[in-house]
């Protein structure tokens, strides 16, 4: 009896493999937490040092327009121009990319068929894989002269940054919206057509409306990428830490100021801490974008 009981209670090979898989997954999650948490702590502690150690005003940081942390005798850490610049290029590029992404995704899923997807999908994947420096160089040699000729000004500014980011976020938004359109149940299309709706009526009144949560999620992901983009925007926006008066005047973003200034400061000084405060703003905005996508995803689940 004891031998039978032992044989019946002995773990099978599949059960042991399942247990090993759980342990490996737990170890990977633990490793990720051990990497991410110190990064979060470092950015948060250094970002808050501007206000708690250097005694700078949080209100002035978000409302003042002059950025000169090295000024004597009183440092000036007004981040409003960079915040406005970041949000401007992010929102404008997302608004510009949305209609193109919608049209491309609908064409790939509901019009072109498998042959069209085989042609367009590699093109979109190619755009995703192009390095940021290439986009920036194209923007510097093509977009900036075009903006200068057509819209006036120096060519450097929010408008040029918007055009570059539009191309960069378009494949991201398109790919995610394609997945959202594929997730719309097929019987939605069949029911609409059975009721006498045309293909365009089905696309506009049924498919697009059913996939709006996925579209919003795709746009927010595109905005998250645009908000954190550094090199390409830095090359075309002008890097002037002043509040932009129009779309064709030189401006700056949080990332452009970070990348140009972090190598010229000493760790622990006010200029360095102020840059870490900009990094903390970027971190918080990334968190906001992630929370928005999770909220929209839960509300729009089929």
Protein backbone atom coordinates (compact mmCIF):
# COMPACT_ATOMS: atom_id res chain seq x y z
CA UNK A 1 0.00 0.00 0.00
CA UNK A 2 2.79 2.40 0.85
CA UNK A 3 4.42 1.80 -2.51
CA UNK A 4 1.12 2.44 -4.33
CA UNK A 5 0.49 5.60 -2.33
CA UNK A 6 4.01 6.85 -3.02
CA UNK A 7 3.61 6.15 -6.73
CA UNK A 8 0.27 7.97 -6.87
CA UNK A 9 1.52 11.06 -5.01
CA UNK A 10 4.82 11.29 -6.86
CA UNK A 11 5.04 14.34 -9.12
CA UNK A 12 4.95 13.62 -12.80
CA UNK A 13 7.51 14.88 -15.30
CA UNK A 14 5.05 17.48 -16.61
CA UNK A 15 4.35 18.70 -13.08
CA UNK A 16 8.08 19.10 -12.39
CA UNK A 17 8.53 21.01 -15.64
CA UNK A 18 5.63 23.26 -14.70
CA UNK A 19 7.18 23.96 -11.31
CA UNK A 20 10.55 24.75 -12.88
CA UNK A 21 8.82 27.09 -15.33
CA UNK A 22 7.14 28.95 -12.46
CA UNK A 23 10.44 29.29 -10.62
CA UNK A 24 12.18 30.63 -13.74
CA UNK A 25 9.35 33.13 -14.33
CA UNK A 26 9.49 34.24 -10.71
CA UNK A 27 13.25 34.70 -10.93
CA UNK A 28 12.92 36.77 -14.10
CA UNK A 29 10.23 39.00 -12.55
CA UNK A 30 12.36 39.43 -9.44
CA UNK A 31 15.38 40.37 -11.54
CA UNK A 32 13.35 42.95 -13.47
CA UNK A 33 12.12 44.47 -10.20
CA UNK A 34 15.67 44.57 -8.84
CA UNK A 35 16.73 46.50 -11.95
CA UNK A 36 13.73 48.83 -12.28
CA UNK A 37 13.26 49.82 -8.65
CA UNK A 38 16.81 51.24 -8.20
CA UNK A 39 16.39 53.18 -11.43
CA UNK A 40 13.10 54.65 -10.20
CA UNK A 41 14.66 55.47 -6.85
CA UNK A 42 17.68 57.14 -8.44
CA UNK A 43 15.63 59.31 -10.80
CA UNK A 44 13.15 60.25 -8.10
CA UNK A 45 15.73 61.08 -5.43
CA UNK A 46 17.92 63.11 -7.77
CA UNK A 47 14.93 64.82 -9.35
CA UNK A 48 13.51 65.88 -5.99
CA UNK A 49 16.92 67.09 -4.79
CA UNK A 50 16.37 70.30 -6.76
CA UNK A 51 13.48 71.19 -4.49
CA UNK A 52 14.54 69.69 -1.14
CA UNK A 53 18.32 70.12 -1.17
CA UNK A 54 18.73 73.16 -3.41
CA UNK A 55 15.51 74.78 -2.11
CA UNK A 56 14.15 75.71 -5.53
CA UNK A 57 10.44 76.40 -5.84
CA UNK A 58 8.29 73.71 -7.43
CA UNK A 59 5.84 76.38 -8.62
CA UNK A 60 8.64 78.35 -10.30
CA UNK A 61 9.93 75.17 -11.91
CA UNK A 62 6.63 74.57 -13.71
CA UNK A 63 5.64 78.19 -14.37
CA UNK A 64 8.79 80.25 -14.99
CA UNK A 65 10.11 80.70 -18.53
CA UNK A 66 13.86 81.18 -17.97
CA UNK A 67 16.16 78.15 -17.81
CA UNK A 68 19.62 78.97 -16.48
CA UNK A 69 20.54 76.70 -13.54
CA UNK A 70 24.12 78.04 -13.54
CA UNK A 71 23.11 81.69 -13.11
CA UNK A 72 24.64 83.61 -10.21
CA UNK A 73 23.69 84.62 -7.58
CA UNK A 74 20.22 83.15 -8.16
CA UNK A 75 19.75 80.09 -10.36
CA UNK A 76 16.79 80.06 -12.74
CA UNK A 77 15.10 76.71 -13.35
CA UNK A 78 11.93 77.57 -15.24
CA UNK A 79 11.04 74.42 -17.20
CA UNK A 80 7.83 75.74 -18.78
CA UNK A 81 9.38 76.27 -22.29
CA UNK A 82 10.59 72.68 -22.43
CA UNK A 83 7.31 71.29 -21.12
CA UNK A 84 5.34 73.31 -23.67
CA UNK A 85 7.71 72.23 -26.44
CA UNK A 86 7.44 68.55 -25.53
CA UNK A 87 3.66 68.57 -25.35
CA UNK A 88 3.37 70.62 -28.54
CA UNK A 89 5.38 68.28 -30.77
CA UNK A 90 3.81 65.23 -29.10
CA UNK A 91 0.19 66.28 -29.51
CA UNK A 92 0.63 67.73 -33.00
CA UNK A 93 2.49 64.69 -34.31
CA UNK A 94 -0.15 62.34 -32.84
CA UNK A 95 -3.00 64.38 -34.36
CA UNK A 96 -1.23 64.41 -37.71
CA UNK A 97 -0.44 60.69 -37.63
CA UNK A 98 -3.90 59.51 -36.50
CA UNK A 99 -5.82 59.93 -39.80
CA UNK A 100 -2.99 58.41 -41.84
CA UNK A 101 -2.74 55.48 -39.41
CA UNK A 102 -6.51 54.91 -39.52
CA UNK A 103 -6.60 54.94 -43.32
CA UNK A 104 -3.57 52.65 -43.65
CA UNK A 105 -4.82 50.16 -41.07
CA UNK A 106 -8.31 49.96 -42.59
CA UNK A 107 -6.82 49.48 -46.04
CA UNK A 108 -4.59 46.66 -44.78
CA UNK A 109 -7.28 44.82 -42.83
CA UNK A 110 -10.58 45.36 -44.66
CA UNK A 111 -9.73 46.42 -48.20
CA UNK A 112 -6.37 45.21 -49.49
CA UNK A 113 -6.61 41.63 -48.30
CA UNK A 114 -3.68 39.29 -47.74
CA UNK A 115 -1.72 40.46 -50.79
CA UNK A 116 -1.92 44.11 -49.72
CA UNK A 117 -0.85 43.22 -46.17
CA UNK A 118 2.17 41.33 -47.50
CA UNK A 119 3.31 44.51 -49.25
CA UNK A 120 2.48 47.10 -46.59
CA UNK A 121 3.49 45.17 -43.48
CA UNK A 122 7.22 45.04 -44.37
CA UNK A 123 7.16 48.75 -45.19
CA UNK A 124 5.73 49.59 -41.76
CA UNK A 125 8.21 47.29 -40.03
CA UNK A 126 11.03 48.95 -41.95
CA UNK A 127 9.94 52.38 -40.73
CA UNK A 128 9.94 51.08 -37.15
CA UNK A 129 13.49 49.77 -37.49
CA UNK A 130 15.07 52.95 -38.87
CA UNK A 131 17.35 54.53 -36.19
CA UNK A 132 16.39 57.89 -34.72
CA UNK A 133 19.59 59.53 -35.96
CA UNK A 134 18.58 58.71 -39.55
CA UNK A 135 15.21 60.38 -39.04
CA UNK A 136 16.99 63.36 -37.52
CA UNK A 137 19.44 63.62 -40.41
CA UNK A 138 16.61 63.44 -42.96
CA UNK A 139 14.76 66.09 -40.98
CA UNK A 140 17.85 68.29 -40.91
CA UNK A 141 18.50 68.02 -44.64
CA UNK A 142 14.93 67.84 -45.99
CA UNK A 143 12.31 68.94 -43.46
CA UNK A 144 14.11 72.02 -42.10
CA UNK A 145 14.78 73.53 -45.56
CA UNK A 146 11.19 72.71 -46.60
CA UNK A 147 9.77 74.39 -43.49
CA UNK A 148 12.02 77.42 -43.99
CA UNK A 149 10.95 77.79 -47.63
CA UNK A 150 7.21 77.22 -47.21
CA UNK A 151 6.44 78.56 -43.72
CA UNK A 152 9.30 81.01 -43.16
CA UNK A 153 11.59 81.42 -40.18
CA UNK A 154 14.82 79.53 -39.72
CA UNK A 155 13.21 76.14 -40.38
CA UNK A 156 14.02 74.95 -36.87
CA UNK A 157 11.09 74.74 -34.52
CA UNK A 158 8.04 72.82 -33.36
CA UNK A 159 6.69 72.38 -36.89
CA UNK A 160 9.84 70.61 -38.11
CA UNK A 161 9.86 68.44 -34.97
CA UNK A 162 6.21 67.60 -35.62
CA UNK A 163 6.91 66.45 -39.18
CA UNK A 164 9.80 64.24 -38.06
CA UNK A 165 7.87 62.71 -35.16
CA UNK A 166 4.85 62.18 -37.43
CA UNK A 167 6.88 59.79 -39.56
CA UNK A 168 8.37 58.13 -36.48
CA UNK A 169 5.10 57.47 -34.63
CA UNK A 170 3.04 56.57 -37.73
CA UNK A 171 4.21 52.92 -37.93
CA UNK A 172 3.67 52.45 -34.19
CA UNK A 173 0.11 53.76 -34.29
CA UNK A 174 -0.64 51.88 -37.51
CA UNK A 175 0.64 48.53 -36.26
CA UNK A 176 -1.30 48.75 -33.02
CA UNK A 177 -4.48 49.84 -34.78
CA UNK A 178 -4.15 46.96 -37.25
CA UNK A 179 -4.17 44.57 -34.29
CA UNK A 180 -7.21 46.37 -32.89
CA UNK A 181 -9.11 46.06 -36.18
CA UNK A 182 -8.28 42.36 -36.38
CA UNK A 183 -9.69 41.95 -32.87
CA UNK A 184 -13.12 43.25 -33.94
CA UNK A 185 -15.35 40.15 -34.14
CA UNK A 186 -16.03 39.04 -37.69
CA UNK A 187 -19.75 38.70 -37.04
CA UNK A 188 -19.91 42.50 -36.59
CA UNK A 189 -18.98 42.87 -40.25
CA UNK A 190 -21.25 40.04 -41.36
CA UNK A 191 -24.25 41.37 -39.42
CA UNK A 192 -23.79 44.87 -40.85
CA UNK A 193 -23.54 43.59 -44.41
CA UNK A 194 -26.54 41.30 -43.86
CA UNK A 195 -28.62 44.31 -42.83
CA UNK A 196 -27.88 45.99 -46.15
CA UNK A 197 -25.01 48.31 -45.24
CA UNK A 198 -22.35 48.96 -47.82
CA UNK A 199 -18.70 48.15 -47.16
CA UNK A 200 -17.89 51.79 -46.38
CA UNK A 201 -20.89 52.11 -44.07
CA UNK A 202 -19.75 48.96 -42.29
CA UNK A 203 -16.23 50.32 -41.92
CA UNK A 204 -17.32 53.76 -40.70
CA UNK A 205 -20.32 52.94 -38.52
CA UNK A 206 -19.38 49.53 -37.19
CA UNK A 207 -15.70 48.65 -37.42
CA UNK A 208 -14.17 52.02 -36.55
CA UNK A 209 -16.63 52.62 -33.72
CA UNK A 210 -16.03 49.17 -32.29
CA UNK A 211 -12.26 49.69 -32.42
CA UNK A 212 -12.16 53.20 -30.90
CA UNK A 213 -10.59 51.99 -27.61
CA UNK A 214 -7.83 50.29 -29.60
CA UNK A 215 -7.34 53.43 -31.67
CA UNK A 216 -7.02 55.58 -28.55
CA UNK A 217 -4.55 53.11 -27.08
CA UNK A 218 -2.48 53.20 -30.28
CA UNK A 219 -2.46 57.01 -30.32
CA UNK A 220 -1.39 57.18 -26.68
CA UNK A 221 1.44 54.72 -27.33
CA UNK A 222 2.51 56.89 -30.23
CA UNK A 223 2.41 59.96 -27.99
CA UNK A 224 4.51 58.14 -25.39
CA UNK A 225 7.17 57.44 -27.99
CA UNK A 226 7.04 61.00 -29.32
CA UNK A 227 7.26 62.47 -25.82
CA UNK A 228 10.42 60.51 -25.03
CA UNK A 229 12.16 60.93 -28.38
CA UNK A 230 15.44 62.82 -28.02
CA UNK A 231 17.96 62.71 -30.85
CA UNK A 232 15.74 63.24 -33.89
CA UNK A 233 13.86 66.12 -32.29
CA UNK A 234 17.06 67.67 -30.97
CA UNK A 235 18.41 67.92 -34.51
CA UNK A 236 15.46 69.87 -35.94
CA UNK A 237 13.79 71.83 -33.13
CA UNK A 238 16.48 74.48 -32.58
CA UNK A 239 17.29 73.75 -28.90
CA UNK A 240 16.39 77.24 -27.67
CA UNK A 241 15.19 77.17 -24.06
CA UNK A 242 12.59 79.88 -24.62
CA UNK A 243 8.82 79.76 -24.75
CA UNK A 244 7.95 79.37 -28.45
CA UNK A 245 5.85 82.19 -29.90
CA UNK A 246 4.78 80.19 -32.96
CA UNK A 247 5.36 76.85 -34.66
CA UNK A 248 8.35 78.01 -36.73
CA UNK A 249 10.41 79.64 -33.99
CA UNK A 250 13.25 77.65 -32.34
CA UNK A 251 12.18 75.78 -29.23
CA UNK A 252 13.30 72.88 -27.06
CA UNK A 253 11.91 69.78 -25.39
CA UNK A 254 12.64 68.03 -22.13
CA UNK A 255 14.69 65.39 -23.90
CA UNK A 256 16.68 67.83 -26.04
CA UNK A 257 17.74 69.86 -22.99
CA UNK A 258 18.65 66.66 -21.15
CA UNK A 259 20.82 65.26 -23.91
CA UNK A 260 22.65 68.54 -24.59
CA UNK A 261 23.20 69.50 -20.95
CA UNK A 262 23.80 66.34 -18.94
CA UNK A 263 27.42 66.01 -20.09
CA UNK A 264 28.27 69.58 -19.11
CA UNK A 265 27.26 69.41 -15.43
CA UNK A 266 28.85 68.04 -12.28
CA UNK A 267 26.99 65.34 -10.36
CA UNK A 268 25.32 66.69 -7.23
CA UNK A 269 25.30 70.35 -8.29
CA UNK A 270 22.14 72.35 -8.92
CA UNK A 271 22.50 72.31 -12.74
CA UNK A 272 22.79 68.52 -12.64
CA UNK A 273 19.89 68.11 -10.20
CA UNK A 274 17.73 70.36 -12.36
CA UNK A 275 18.30 68.08 -15.33
CA UNK A 276 17.34 65.10 -13.18
CA UNK A 277 14.13 66.97 -12.37
CA UNK A 278 13.38 67.12 -16.09
CA UNK A 279 14.03 63.37 -16.24
CA UNK A 280 11.57 62.89 -13.37
CA UNK A 281 8.91 64.79 -15.34
CA UNK A 282 9.53 62.46 -18.29
CA UNK A 283 9.22 59.44 -15.99
CA UNK A 284 5.92 60.68 -14.55
CA UNK A 285 4.53 61.36 -18.02
CA UNK A 286 5.49 57.83 -19.11
CA UNK A 287 3.61 56.51 -16.09
CA UNK A 288 0.57 58.62 -17.03
CA UNK A 289 0.62 57.29 -20.60
CA UNK A 290 0.83 53.69 -19.34
CA UNK A 291 -2.05 54.19 -16.92
CA UNK A 292 -4.17 55.72 -19.68
CA UNK A 293 -3.57 52.77 -21.99
CA UNK A 294 -4.46 50.29 -19.24
CA UNK A 295 -7.63 52.22 -18.38
CA UNK A 296 -8.75 52.44 -22.01
CA UNK A 297 -7.88 48.79 -22.58
CA UNK A 298 -10.08 47.67 -19.69
CA UNK A 299 -12.99 49.88 -20.76
CA UNK A 300 -12.81 48.77 -24.39
CA UNK A 301 -12.33 45.03 -23.97
CA UNK A 302 -14.65 42.96 -26.17
